[in-house]
């Protein structure tokens, strides 16, 4: 099934019956799209995704390193593991803390994993 989710990424090769999957379920994507690294997958169908950025400190005219960590739904068709680089997209609230869903896995260069 080729579904257009509105983001320029490759669909997963496997199919799933997860209703919270962006490709095979009824979840509509909206808002922000980020690329990050999976730090934890200990919870069921959930992954902690982290990305870093630099924040300017005007008083000292220098930057400090900061990071953002979000919980994202990890559908069975994508099945991201710790250390994978992934693309996450914002969606409606899926639970108390989950407002993102993993859309695809990418390799280190930023290309989709299927394009290696």
PDB file of N, CA and C in Angstrom:
ATOM      1  N   UNK A   1       0.842  -1.184   0.000  1.00  0.00           N
ATOM      2  CA  UNK A   1       0.000   0.000   0.000  1.00  0.00           C
ATOM      3  C   UNK A   1       0.884   1.243   0.000  1.00  0.00           C
ATOM      4  N   UNK A   2       0.751   2.090  -0.978  1.00  0.00           N
ATOM      5  CA  UNK A   2       1.488   3.351  -1.051  1.00  0.00           C
ATOM      6  C   UNK A   2       0.566   4.470  -0.601  1.00  0.00           C
ATOM      7  N   UNK A   3       0.824   4.996   0.559  1.00  0.00           N
ATOM      8  CA  UNK A   3       0.022   6.085   1.099  1.00  0.00           C
ATOM      9  C   UNK A   3       0.883   7.339   1.134  1.00  0.00           C
ATOM     10  N   UNK A   4       0.352   8.468   0.745  1.00  0.00           N
ATOM     11  CA  UNK A   4       1.086   9.728   0.798  1.00  0.00           C
ATOM     12  C   UNK A   4       0.800  10.375   2.145  1.00  0.00           C
ATOM     13  N   UNK A   5       1.841  10.521   2.976  1.00  0.00           N
ATOM     14  CA  UNK A   5       1.643  11.108   4.302  1.00  0.00           C
ATOM     15  C   UNK A   5       2.050  12.575   4.334  1.00  0.00           C
ATOM     16  N   UNK A   6       2.492  13.135   3.206  1.00  0.00           N
ATOM     17  CA  UNK A   6       2.815  14.549   3.140  1.00  0.00           C
ATOM     18  C   UNK A   6       4.251  14.888   3.458  1.00  0.00           C
ATOM     19  N   UNK A   7       5.094  13.887   3.666  1.00  0.00           N
ATOM     20  CA  UNK A   7       6.512  14.098   3.955  1.00  0.00           C
ATOM     21  C   UNK A   7       7.309  13.325   2.911  1.00  0.00           C
ATOM     22  N   UNK A   8       8.402  13.885   2.453  1.00  0.00           N
ATOM     23  CA  UNK A   8       9.206  13.259   1.415  1.00  0.00           C
ATOM     24  C   UNK A   8      10.159  12.224   2.015  1.00  0.00           C
ATOM     25  N   UNK A   9       9.621  11.076   2.441  1.00  0.00           N
ATOM     26  CA  UNK A   9      10.424   9.962   2.958  1.00  0.00           C
ATOM     27  C   UNK A   9       9.906   8.676   2.325  1.00  0.00           C
ATOM     28  N   UNK A  10      10.762   7.653   2.328  1.00  0.00           N
ATOM     29  CA  UNK A  10      10.393   6.360   1.766  1.00  0.00           C
ATOM     30  C   UNK A  10       9.476   5.603   2.733  1.00  0.00           C
ATOM     31  N   UNK A  11       8.443   4.919   2.214  1.00  0.00           N
ATOM     32  CA  UNK A  11       7.587   4.115   3.085  1.00  0.00           C
ATOM     33  C   UNK A  11       8.319   2.859   3.554  1.00  0.00           C
ATOM     34  N   UNK A  12       7.906   2.267   4.667  1.00  0.00           N
ATOM     35  CA  UNK A  12       8.560   1.043   5.145  1.00  0.00           C
ATOM     36  C   UNK A  12       8.247  -0.134   4.229  1.00  0.00           C
ATOM     37  N   UNK A  13       9.150  -1.111   4.231  1.00  0.00           N
ATOM     38  CA  UNK A  13       8.970  -2.288   3.383  1.00  0.00           C
ATOM     39  C   UNK A  13       7.912  -3.228   3.949  1.00  0.00           C
ATOM     40  N   UNK A  14       7.856  -3.370   5.276  1.00  0.00           N
ATOM     41  CA  UNK A  14       6.890  -4.266   5.907  1.00  0.00           C
ATOM     42  C   UNK A  14       5.551  -3.559   6.088  1.00  0.00           C
ATOM     43  N   UNK A  15       4.496  -4.348   6.233  1.00  0.00           N
ATOM     44  CA  UNK A  15       3.170  -3.814   6.536  1.00  0.00           C
ATOM     45  C   UNK A  15       2.823  -4.154   7.969  1.00  0.00           C
ATOM     46  N   UNK A  16       1.949  -3.340   8.562  1.00  0.00           N
ATOM     47  CA  UNK A  16       1.492  -3.601   9.920  1.00  0.00           C
ATOM     48  C   UNK A  16       0.009  -3.255  10.020  1.00  0.00           C
ATOM     49  N   UNK A  17      -0.608  -3.679  11.085  1.00  0.00           N
ATOM     50  CA  UNK A  17      -2.020  -3.386  11.307  1.00  0.00           C
ATOM     51  C   UNK A  17      -2.198  -2.429  12.486  1.00  0.00           C
ATOM     52  N   UNK A  18      -1.149  -1.664  12.787  1.00  0.00           N
ATOM     53  CA  UNK A  18      -1.185  -0.736  13.911  1.00  0.00           C
ATOM     54  C   UNK A  18      -2.031   0.489  13.550  1.00  0.00           C
ATOM     55  N   UNK A  19      -3.099   0.789  14.318  1.00  0.00           N
ATOM     56  CA  UNK A  19      -3.919   1.970  13.994  1.00  0.00           C
ATOM     57  C   UNK A  19      -3.205   3.293  14.248  1.00  0.00           C
ATOM     58  N   UNK A  20      -2.100   3.276  15.008  1.00  0.00           N
ATOM     59  CA  UNK A  20      -1.349   4.498  15.292  1.00  0.00           C
ATOM     60  C   UNK A  20      -0.137   4.662  14.377  1.00  0.00           C
ATOM     61  N   UNK A  21      -0.040   3.867  13.332  1.00  0.00           N
ATOM     62  CA  UNK A  21       1.046   3.972  12.362  1.00  0.00           C
ATOM     63  C   UNK A  21       0.705   5.073  11.356  1.00  0.00           C
ATOM     64  N   UNK A  22       1.694   5.885  11.001  1.00  0.00           N
ATOM     65  CA  UNK A  22       1.456   6.968  10.045  1.00  0.00           C
ATOM     66  C   UNK A  22       1.217   6.424   8.639  1.00  0.00           C
ATOM     67  N   UNK A  23       1.787   5.274   8.305  1.00  0.00           N
ATOM     68  CA  UNK A  23       1.667   4.706   6.969  1.00  0.00           C
ATOM     69  C   UNK A  23       0.441   3.815   6.814  1.00  0.00           C
ATOM     70  N   UNK A  24       0.147   2.981   7.820  1.00  0.00           N
ATOM     71  CA  UNK A  24      -0.902   1.973   7.678  1.00  0.00           C
ATOM     72  C   UNK A  24      -2.105   2.219   8.583  1.00  0.00           C
ATOM     73  N   UNK A  25      -2.077   3.243   9.389  1.00  0.00           N
ATOM     74  CA  UNK A  25      -3.173   3.538  10.306  1.00  0.00           C
ATOM     75  C   UNK A  25      -3.920   4.791   9.906  1.00  0.00           C
ATOM     76  N   UNK A  26      -4.600   5.368  10.876  1.00  0.00           N
ATOM     77  CA  UNK A  26      -5.446   6.538  10.625  1.00  0.00           C
ATOM     78  C   UNK A  26      -4.847   7.830  11.191  1.00  0.00           C
ATOM     79  N   UNK A  27      -3.549   7.848  11.497  1.00  0.00           N
ATOM     80  CA  UNK A  27      -2.917   9.017  12.093  1.00  0.00           C
ATOM     81  C   UNK A  27      -2.581  10.050  11.012  1.00  0.00           C
ATOM     82  N   UNK A  28      -3.029  11.271  11.220  1.00  0.00           N
ATOM     83  CA  UNK A  28      -2.683  12.377  10.333  1.00  0.00           C
ATOM     84  C   UNK A  28      -1.526  13.151  10.945  1.00  0.00           C
ATOM     85  N   UNK A  29      -0.556  13.502  10.122  1.00  0.00           N
ATOM     86  CA  UNK A  29       0.618  14.246  10.594  1.00  0.00           C
ATOM     87  C   UNK A  29       0.373  15.729  10.431  1.00  0.00           C
ATOM     88  N   UNK A  30       0.934  16.510  11.360  1.00  0.00           N
ATOM     89  CA  UNK A  30       0.800  17.961  11.311  1.00  0.00           C
ATOM     90  C   UNK A  30       1.980  18.546  12.068  1.00  0.00           C
ATOM     91  N   UNK A  31       2.278  19.780  11.849  1.00  0.00           N
ATOM     92  CA  UNK A  31       3.294  20.465  12.641  1.00  0.00           C
ATOM     93  C   UNK A  31       4.713  20.135  12.234  1.00  0.00           C
ATOM     94  N   UNK A  32       5.563  19.956  13.232  1.00  0.00           N
ATOM     95  CA  UNK A  32       7.007  19.874  13.038  1.00  0.00           C
ATOM     96  C   UNK A  32       7.468  18.471  12.631  1.00  0.00           C
ATOM     97  N   UNK A  33       8.585  18.434  11.901  1.00  0.00           N
ATOM     98  CA  UNK A  33       9.248  17.188  11.513  1.00  0.00           C
ATOM     99  C   UNK A  33      10.708  17.324  11.921  1.00  0.00           C
ATOM    100  N   UNK A  34      11.244  16.325  12.652  1.00  0.00           N
ATOM    101  CA  UNK A  34      12.611  16.381  13.166  1.00  0.00           C
ATOM    102  C   UNK A  34      13.363  15.113  12.793  1.00  0.00           C
ATOM    103  N   UNK A  35      14.684  15.212  12.788  1.00  0.00           N
ATOM    104  CA  UNK A  35      15.564  14.062  12.638  1.00  0.00           C
ATOM    105  C   UNK A  35      16.354  13.916  13.921  1.00  0.00           C
ATOM    106  N   UNK A  36      16.353  12.720  14.496  1.00  0.00           N
ATOM    107  CA  UNK A  36      17.050  12.499  15.752  1.00  0.00           C
ATOM    108  C   UNK A  36      17.547  11.068  15.862  1.00  0.00           C
ATOM    109  N   UNK A  37      18.117  10.749  17.020  1.00  0.00           N
ATOM    110  CA  UNK A  37      18.671   9.430  17.298  1.00  0.00           C
ATOM    111  C   UNK A  37      17.835   8.774  18.387  1.00  0.00           C
ATOM    112  N   UNK A  38      17.530   7.489  18.208  1.00  0.00           N
ATOM    113  CA  UNK A  38      16.768   6.743  19.211  1.00  0.00           C
ATOM    114  C   UNK A  38      17.687   6.434  20.386  1.00  0.00           C
ATOM    115  N   UNK A  39      17.291   6.857  21.580  1.00  0.00           N
ATOM    116  CA  UNK A  39      18.098   6.637  22.778  1.00  0.00           C
ATOM    117  C   UNK A  39      17.591   5.472  23.609  1.00  0.00           C
ATOM    118  N   UNK A  40      16.278   5.183  23.558  1.00  0.00           N
ATOM    119  CA  UNK A  40      15.728   4.099  24.368  1.00  0.00           C
ATOM    120  C   UNK A  40      14.491   3.537  23.685  1.00  0.00           C
ATOM    121  N   UNK A  41      14.331   2.205  23.781  1.00  0.00           N
ATOM    122  CA  UNK A  41      13.134   1.539  23.268  1.00  0.00           C
ATOM    123  C   UNK A  41      12.596   0.558  24.302  1.00  0.00           C
ATOM    124  N   UNK A  42      12.741   0.883  25.575  1.00  0.00           N
ATOM    125  CA  UNK A  42      12.350  -0.041  26.632  1.00  0.00           C
ATOM    126  C   UNK A  42      10.843  -0.174  26.788  1.00  0.00           C
ATOM    127  N   UNK A  43      10.092   0.882  26.518  1.00  0.00           N
ATOM    128  CA  UNK A  43       8.638   0.823  26.626  1.00  0.00           C
ATOM    129  C   UNK A  43       8.046   0.165  25.381  1.00  0.00           C
ATOM    130  N   UNK A  44       6.863  -0.420  25.535  1.00  0.00           N
ATOM    131  CA  UNK A  44       6.191  -1.092  24.435  1.00  0.00           C
ATOM    132  C   UNK A  44       5.732  -0.077  23.386  1.00  0.00           C
ATOM    133  N   UNK A  45       6.153  -0.250  22.135  1.00  0.00           N
ATOM    134  CA  UNK A  45       5.792   0.611  20.998  1.00  0.00           C
ATOM    135  C   UNK A  45       6.141   2.081  21.222  1.00  0.00           C
ATOM    136  N   UNK A  46       7.147   2.350  22.033  1.00  0.00           N
ATOM    137  CA  UNK A  46       7.555   3.722  22.319  1.00  0.00           C
ATOM    138  C   UNK A  46       9.069   3.834  22.206  1.00  0.00           C
ATOM    139  N   UNK A  47       9.538   4.940  21.680  1.00  0.00           N
ATOM    140  CA  UNK A  47      10.969   5.205  21.594  1.00  0.00           C
ATOM    141  C   UNK A  47      11.235   6.616  22.089  1.00  0.00           C
ATOM    142  N   UNK A  48      12.355   6.792  22.777  1.00  0.00           N
ATOM    143  CA  UNK A  48      12.817   8.121  23.188  1.00  0.00           C
ATOM    144  C   UNK A  48      13.774   8.592  22.097  1.00  0.00           C
ATOM    145  N   UNK A  49      13.426   9.706  21.453  1.00  0.00           N
ATOM    146  CA  UNK A  49      14.238  10.248  20.361  1.00  0.00           C
ATOM    147  C   UNK A  49      14.851  11.563  20.831  1.00  0.00           C
ATOM    148  N   UNK A  50      16.141  11.739  20.536  1.00  0.00           N
ATOM    149  CA  UNK A  50      16.884  12.906  21.024  1.00  0.00           C
ATOM    150  C   UNK A  50      17.622  13.566  19.867  1.00  0.00           C
ATOM    151  N   UNK A  51      17.642  14.902  19.880  1.00  0.00           N
ATOM    152  CA  UNK A  51      18.463  15.649  18.932  1.00  0.00           C
ATOM    153  C   UNK A  51      19.047  16.849  19.657  1.00  0.00           C
ATOM    154  N   UNK A  52      20.217  17.299  19.221  1.00  0.00           N
ATOM    155  CA  UNK A  52      20.914  18.403  19.875  1.00  0.00           C
ATOM    156  C   UNK A  52      20.903  19.668  19.041  1.00  0.00           C
ATOM    157  N   UNK A  53      21.134  20.792  19.712  1.00  0.00           N
ATOM    158  CA  UNK A  53      21.203  22.084  19.034  1.00  0.00           C
ATOM    159  C   UNK A  53      22.058  23.015  19.870  1.00  0.00           C
ATOM    160  N   UNK A  54      22.459  24.152  19.290  1.00  0.00           N
ATOM    161  CA  UNK A  54      23.273  25.148  19.984  1.00  0.00           C
ATOM    162  C   UNK A  54      22.414  26.337  20.352  1.00  0.00           C
ATOM    163  N   UNK A  55      22.545  26.831  21.586  1.00  0.00           N
ATOM    164  CA  UNK A  55      21.779  27.970  22.091  1.00  0.00           C
ATOM    165  C   UNK A  55      22.751  29.107  22.368  1.00  0.00           C
ATOM    166  N   UNK A  56      22.468  30.278  21.814  1.00  0.00           N
ATOM    167  CA  UNK A  56      23.333  31.445  21.998  1.00  0.00           C
ATOM    168  C   UNK A  56      23.134  32.038  23.394  1.00  0.00           C
ATOM    169  N   UNK A  57      24.245  32.312  24.085  1.00  0.00           N
ATOM    170  CA  UNK A  57      24.241  33.023  25.358  1.00  0.00           C
ATOM    171  C   UNK A  57      24.717  34.446  25.046  1.00  0.00           C
ATOM    172  N   UNK A  58      23.792  35.434  24.959  1.00  0.00           N
ATOM    173  CA  UNK A  58      24.189  36.770  24.500  1.00  0.00           C
ATOM    174  C   UNK A  58      25.209  37.461  25.407  1.00  0.00           C
ATOM    175  N   UNK A  59      25.104  37.259  26.702  1.00  0.00           N
ATOM    176  CA  UNK A  59      26.010  37.938  27.629  1.00  0.00           C
ATOM    177  C   UNK A  59      27.465  37.569  27.356  1.00  0.00           C
ATOM    178  N   UNK A  60      27.713  36.287  27.080  1.00  0.00           N
ATOM    179  CA  UNK A  60      29.078  35.814  26.863  1.00  0.00           C
ATOM    180  C   UNK A  60      29.418  35.658  25.380  1.00  0.00           C
ATOM    181  N   UNK A  61      28.463  35.941  24.499  1.00  0.00           N
ATOM    182  CA  UNK A  61      28.645  35.814  23.067  1.00  0.00           C
ATOM    183  C   UNK A  61      29.200  34.444  22.685  1.00  0.00           C
ATOM    184  N   UNK A  62      28.659  33.421  23.291  1.00  0.00           N
ATOM    185  CA  UNK A  62      29.080  32.058  22.991  1.00  0.00           C
ATOM    186  C   UNK A  62      27.847  31.161  22.970  1.00  0.00           C
ATOM    187  N   UNK A  63      28.061  29.916  22.616  1.00  0.00           N
ATOM    188  CA  UNK A  63      26.972  28.959  22.496  1.00  0.00           C
ATOM    189  C   UNK A  63      27.115  27.859  23.539  1.00  0.00           C
ATOM    190  N   UNK A  64      25.993  27.283  23.925  1.00  0.00           N
ATOM    191  CA  UNK A  64      26.009  26.105  24.778  1.00  0.00           C
ATOM    192  C   UNK A  64      25.246  25.000  24.070  1.00  0.00           C
ATOM    193  N   UNK A  65      25.637  23.757  24.339  1.00  0.00           N
ATOM    194  CA  UNK A  65      24.978  22.607  23.733  1.00  0.00           C
ATOM    195  C   UNK A  65      23.729  22.275  24.538  1.00  0.00           C
ATOM    196  N   UNK A  66      22.623  22.063  23.852  1.00  0.00           N
ATOM    197  CA  UNK A  66      21.390  21.626  24.494  1.00  0.00           C
ATOM    198  C   UNK A  66      20.832  20.461  23.703  1.00  0.00           C
ATOM    199  N   UNK A  67      19.870  19.743  24.319  1.00  0.00           N
ATOM    200  CA  UNK A  67      19.246  18.631  23.616  1.00  0.00           C
ATOM    201  C   UNK A  67      17.757  18.594  23.924  1.00  0.00           C
ATOM    202  N   UNK A  68      17.015  18.034  22.998  1.00  0.00           N
ATOM    203  CA  UNK A  68      15.582  17.846  23.149  1.00  0.00           C
ATOM    204  C   UNK A  68      15.306  16.356  23.097  1.00  0.00           C
ATOM    205  N   UNK A  69      14.490  15.864  24.030  1.00  0.00           N
ATOM    206  CA  UNK A  69      14.103  14.457  24.058  1.00  0.00           C
ATOM    207  C   UNK A  69      12.589  14.379  24.002  1.00  0.00           C
ATOM    208  N   UNK A  70      12.058  13.592  23.077  1.00  0.00           N
ATOM    209  CA  UNK A  70      10.616  13.401  22.967  1.00  0.00           C
ATOM    210  C   UNK A  70      10.322  11.904  22.945  1.00  0.00           C
ATOM    211  N   UNK A  71       9.114  11.555  23.404  1.00  0.00           N
ATOM    212  CA  UNK A  71       8.653  10.179  23.269  1.00  0.00           C
ATOM    213  C   UNK A  71       7.862  10.090  21.974  1.00  0.00           C
ATOM    214  N   UNK A  72       8.128   9.059  21.209  1.00  0.00           N
ATOM    215  CA  UNK A  72       7.489   8.885  19.906  1.00  0.00           C
ATOM    216  C   UNK A  72       6.972   7.465  19.776  1.00  0.00           C
ATOM    217  N   UNK A  73       5.860   7.313  19.051  1.00  0.00           N
ATOM    218  CA  UNK A  73       5.315   5.985  18.792  1.00  0.00           C
ATOM    219  C   UNK A  73       6.206   5.269  17.793  1.00  0.00           C
ATOM    220  N   UNK A  74       6.544   4.013  18.075  1.00  0.00           N
ATOM    221  CA  UNK A  74       7.435   3.208  17.244  1.00  0.00           C
ATOM    222  C   UNK A  74       6.614   2.079  16.622  1.00  0.00           C
ATOM    223  N   UNK A  75       6.075   2.260  15.398  1.00  0.00           N
ATOM    224  CA  UNK A  75       5.226   1.229  14.803  1.00  0.00           C
ATOM    225  C   UNK A  75       6.004  -0.042  14.479  1.00  0.00           C
ATOM    226  N   UNK A  76       5.323  -1.199  14.453  1.00  0.00           N
ATOM    227  CA  UNK A  76       6.016  -2.457  14.176  1.00  0.00           C
ATOM    228  C   UNK A  76       6.615  -2.533  12.774  1.00  0.00           C
ATOM    229  N   UNK A  77       6.069  -1.794  11.802  1.00  0.00           N
ATOM    230  CA  UNK A  77       6.619  -1.856  10.443  1.00  0.00           C
ATOM    231  C   UNK A  77       7.972  -1.150  10.353  1.00  0.00           C
ATOM    232  N   UNK A  78       8.242  -0.209  11.225  1.00  0.00           N
ATOM    233  CA  UNK A  78       9.529   0.500  11.223  1.00  0.00           C
ATOM    234  C   UNK A  78      10.487  -0.138  12.221  1.00  0.00           C
ATOM    235  N   UNK A  79      10.025  -0.432  13.415  1.00  0.00           N
ATOM    236  CA  UNK A  79      10.772  -1.164  14.448  1.00  0.00           C
ATOM    237  C   UNK A  79      12.180  -0.585  14.640  1.00  0.00           C
ATOM    238  N   UNK A  80      12.253   0.702  15.032  1.00  0.00           N
ATOM    239  CA  UNK A  80      13.536   1.364  15.266  1.00  0.00           C
ATOM    240  C   UNK A  80      14.168   0.844  16.555  1.00  0.00           C
ATOM    241  N   UNK A  81      15.472   0.675  16.556  1.00  0.00           N
ATOM    242  CA  UNK A  81      16.232   0.211  17.711  1.00  0.00           C
ATOM    243  C   UNK A  81      17.121   1.334  18.218  1.00  0.00           C
ATOM    244  N   UNK A  82      17.707   1.144  19.390  1.00  0.00           N
ATOM    245  CA  UNK A  82      18.597   2.157  19.971  1.00  0.00           C
ATOM    246  C   UNK A  82      19.779   2.407  19.032  1.00  0.00           C
ATOM    247  N   UNK A  83      20.076   3.687  18.826  1.00  0.00           N
ATOM    248  CA  UNK A  83      21.178   4.075  17.957  1.00  0.00           C
ATOM    249  C   UNK A  83      20.764   4.381  16.530  1.00  0.00           C
ATOM    250  N   UNK A  84      19.539   4.000  16.120  1.00  0.00           N
ATOM    251  CA  UNK A  84      19.072   4.314  14.765  1.00  0.00           C
ATOM    252  C   UNK A  84      18.790   5.793  14.638  1.00  0.00           C
ATOM    253  N   UNK A  85      19.095   6.344  13.463  1.00  0.00           N
ATOM    254  CA  UNK A  85      18.726   7.720  13.149  1.00  0.00           C
ATOM    255  C   UNK A  85      17.356   7.669  12.488  1.00  0.00           C
ATOM    256  N   UNK A  86      16.404   8.449  13.012  1.00  0.00           N
ATOM    257  CA  UNK A  86      15.022   8.363  12.553  1.00  0.00           C
ATOM    258  C   UNK A  86      14.463   9.752  12.249  1.00  0.00           C
ATOM    259  N   UNK A  87      13.368   9.764  11.492  1.00  0.00           N
ATOM    260  CA  UNK A  87      12.603  10.977  11.228  1.00  0.00           C
ATOM    261  C   UNK A  87      11.309  10.853  12.015  1.00  0.00           C
ATOM    262  N   UNK A  88      11.031  11.848  12.874  1.00  0.00           N
ATOM    263  CA  UNK A  88       9.799  11.851  13.661  1.00  0.00           C
ATOM    264  C   UNK A  88       8.946  13.036  13.229  1.00  0.00           C
ATOM    265  N   UNK A  89       7.634  12.828  13.250  1.00  0.00           N
ATOM    266  CA  UNK A  89       6.696  13.876  12.849  1.00  0.00           C
ATOM    267  C   UNK A  89       5.661  14.051  13.942  1.00  0.00           C
ATOM    268  N   UNK A  90       5.199  15.278  14.097  1.00  0.00           N
ATOM    269  CA  UNK A  90       4.205  15.596  15.114  1.00  0.00           C
ATOM    270  C   UNK A  90       2.826  15.130  14.645  1.00  0.00           C
ATOM    271  N   UNK A  91       2.016  14.677  15.597  1.00  0.00           N
ATOM    272  CA  UNK A  91       0.652  14.239  15.291  1.00  0.00           C
ATOM    273  C   UNK A  91      -0.225  14.585  16.491  1.00  0.00           C
ATOM    274  N   UNK A  92      -1.457  14.115  16.470  1.00  0.00           N
ATOM    275  CA  UNK A  92      -2.345  14.350  17.601  1.00  0.00           C
ATOM    276  C   UNK A  92      -1.803  13.614  18.822  1.00  0.00           C
ATOM    277  N   UNK A  93      -2.215  13.971  20.047  1.00  0.00           N
ATOM    278  CA  UNK A  93      -1.740  13.247  21.223  1.00  0.00           C
ATOM    279  C   UNK A  93      -2.155  11.774  21.178  1.00  0.00           C
ATOM    280  N   UNK A  94      -1.165  10.890  21.299  1.00  0.00           N
ATOM    281  CA  UNK A  94      -1.424   9.452  21.292  1.00  0.00           C
ATOM    282  C   UNK A  94      -1.559   8.901  22.699  1.00  0.00           C
ATOM    283  N   UNK A  95      -0.960   9.574  23.665  1.00  0.00           N
ATOM    284  CA  UNK A  95      -1.081   9.213  25.078  1.00  0.00           C
ATOM    285  C   UNK A  95      -0.732  10.467  25.880  1.00  0.00           C
ATOM    286  N   UNK A  96      -0.507  10.300  27.157  1.00  0.00           N
ATOM    287  CA  UNK A  96      -0.220  11.453  28.007  1.00  0.00           C
ATOM    288  C   UNK A  96       1.048  12.187  27.571  1.00  0.00           C
ATOM    289  N   UNK A  97       2.064  11.453  27.140  1.00  0.00           N
ATOM    290  CA  UNK A  97       3.340  12.078  26.783  1.00  0.00           C
ATOM    291  C   UNK A  97       3.713  11.935  25.318  1.00  0.00           C
ATOM    292  N   UNK A  98       3.036  11.094  24.543  1.00  0.00           N
ATOM    293  CA  UNK A  98       3.407  10.870  23.146  1.00  0.00           C
ATOM    294  C   UNK A  98       2.615  11.779  22.216  1.00  0.00           C
ATOM    295  N   UNK A  99       3.346  12.636  21.478  1.00  0.00           N
ATOM    296  CA  UNK A  99       2.746  13.521  20.489  1.00  0.00           C
ATOM    297  C   UNK A  99       3.487  13.426  19.158  1.00  0.00           C
ATOM    298  N   UNK A 100       4.364  12.436  19.011  1.00  0.00           N
ATOM    299  CA  UNK A 100       5.157  12.243  17.808  1.00  0.00           C
ATOM    300  C   UNK A 100       5.066  10.788  17.380  1.00  0.00           C
ATOM    301  N   UNK A 101       5.312  10.534  16.109  1.00  0.00           N
ATOM    302  CA  UNK A 101       5.351   9.178  15.570  1.00  0.00           C
ATOM    303  C   UNK A 101       6.583   9.065  14.670  1.00  0.00           C
ATOM    304  N   UNK A 102       7.254   7.910  14.731  1.00  0.00           N
ATOM    305  CA  UNK A 102       8.418   7.675  13.875  1.00  0.00           C
ATOM    306  C   UNK A 102       7.910   7.374  12.477  1.00  0.00           C
ATOM    307  N   UNK A 103       8.440   8.116  11.493  1.00  0.00           N
ATOM    308  CA  UNK A 103       7.980   8.010  10.116  1.00  0.00           C
ATOM    309  C   UNK A 103       8.912   7.132   9.286  1.00  0.00           C
ATOM    310  N   UNK A 104      10.226   7.228   9.523  1.00  0.00           N
ATOM    311  CA  UNK A 104      11.166   6.396   8.773  1.00  0.00           C
ATOM    312  C   UNK A 104      12.500   6.334   9.492  1.00  0.00           C
ATOM    313  N   UNK A 105      13.277   5.320   9.120  1.00  0.00           N
ATOM    314  CA  UNK A 105      14.653   5.200   9.584  1.00  0.00           C
ATOM    315  C   UNK A 105      15.563   5.744   8.502  1.00  0.00           C
ATOM    316  N   UNK A 106      16.633   6.424   8.893  1.00  0.00           N
ATOM    317  CA  UNK A 106      17.636   6.900   7.939  1.00  0.00           C
ATOM    318  C   UNK A 106      18.989   6.399   8.388  1.00  0.00           C
ATOM    319  N   UNK A 107      19.958   6.418   7.485  1.00  0.00           N
ATOM    320  CA  UNK A 107      21.311   6.055   7.884  1.00  0.00           C
ATOM    321  C   UNK A 107      22.045   7.311   8.338  1.00  0.00           C
ATOM    322  N   UNK A 108      23.328   7.199   8.575  1.00  0.00           N
ATOM    323  CA  UNK A 108      24.104   8.295   9.147  1.00  0.00           C
ATOM    324  C   UNK A 108      24.164   9.496   8.214  1.00  0.00           C
ATOM    325  N   UNK A 109      24.157   9.268   6.899  1.00  0.00           N
ATOM    326  CA  UNK A 109      24.298  10.377   5.955  1.00  0.00           C
ATOM    327  C   UNK A 109      23.013  11.179   5.798  1.00  0.00           C
ATOM    328  N   UNK A 110      21.887  10.693   6.349  1.00  0.00           N
ATOM    329  CA  UNK A 110      20.636  11.402   6.239  1.00  0.00           C
ATOM    330  C   UNK A 110      19.747  10.885   5.123  1.00  0.00           C
ATOM    331  N   UNK A 111      20.256   9.973   4.299  1.00  0.00           N
ATOM    332  CA  UNK A 111      19.443   9.375   3.253  1.00  0.00           C
ATOM    333  C   UNK A 111      18.574   8.272   3.846  1.00  0.00           C
ATOM    334  N   UNK A 112      17.454   7.946   3.245  1.00  0.00           N
ATOM    335  CA  UNK A 112      16.656   6.827   3.743  1.00  0.00           C
ATOM    336  C   UNK A 112      17.467   5.542   3.739  1.00  0.00           C
ATOM    337  N   UNK A 113      17.196   4.658   4.693  1.00  0.00           N
ATOM    338  CA  UNK A 113      17.979   3.441   4.866  1.00  0.00           C
ATOM    339  C   UNK A 113      17.910   2.541   3.641  1.00  0.00           C
ATOM    340  N   UNK A 114      16.847   2.601   2.864  1.00  0.00           N
ATOM    341  CA  UNK A 114      16.713   1.738   1.688  1.00  0.00           C
ATOM    342  C   UNK A 114      17.551   2.227   0.506  1.00  0.00           C
ATOM    343  N   UNK A 115      18.111   3.446   0.572  1.00  0.00           N
ATOM    344  CA  UNK A 115      18.878   4.024  -0.535  1.00  0.00           C
ATOM    345  C   UNK A 115      20.383   3.791  -0.408  1.00  0.00           C
ATOM    346  N   UNK A 116      20.841   2.950   0.519  1.00  0.00           N
ATOM    347  CA  UNK A 116      22.273   2.734   0.737  1.00  0.00           C
ATOM    348  C   UNK A 116      22.973   2.213  -0.482  1.00  0.00           C
TER     349      UNK A 116
END
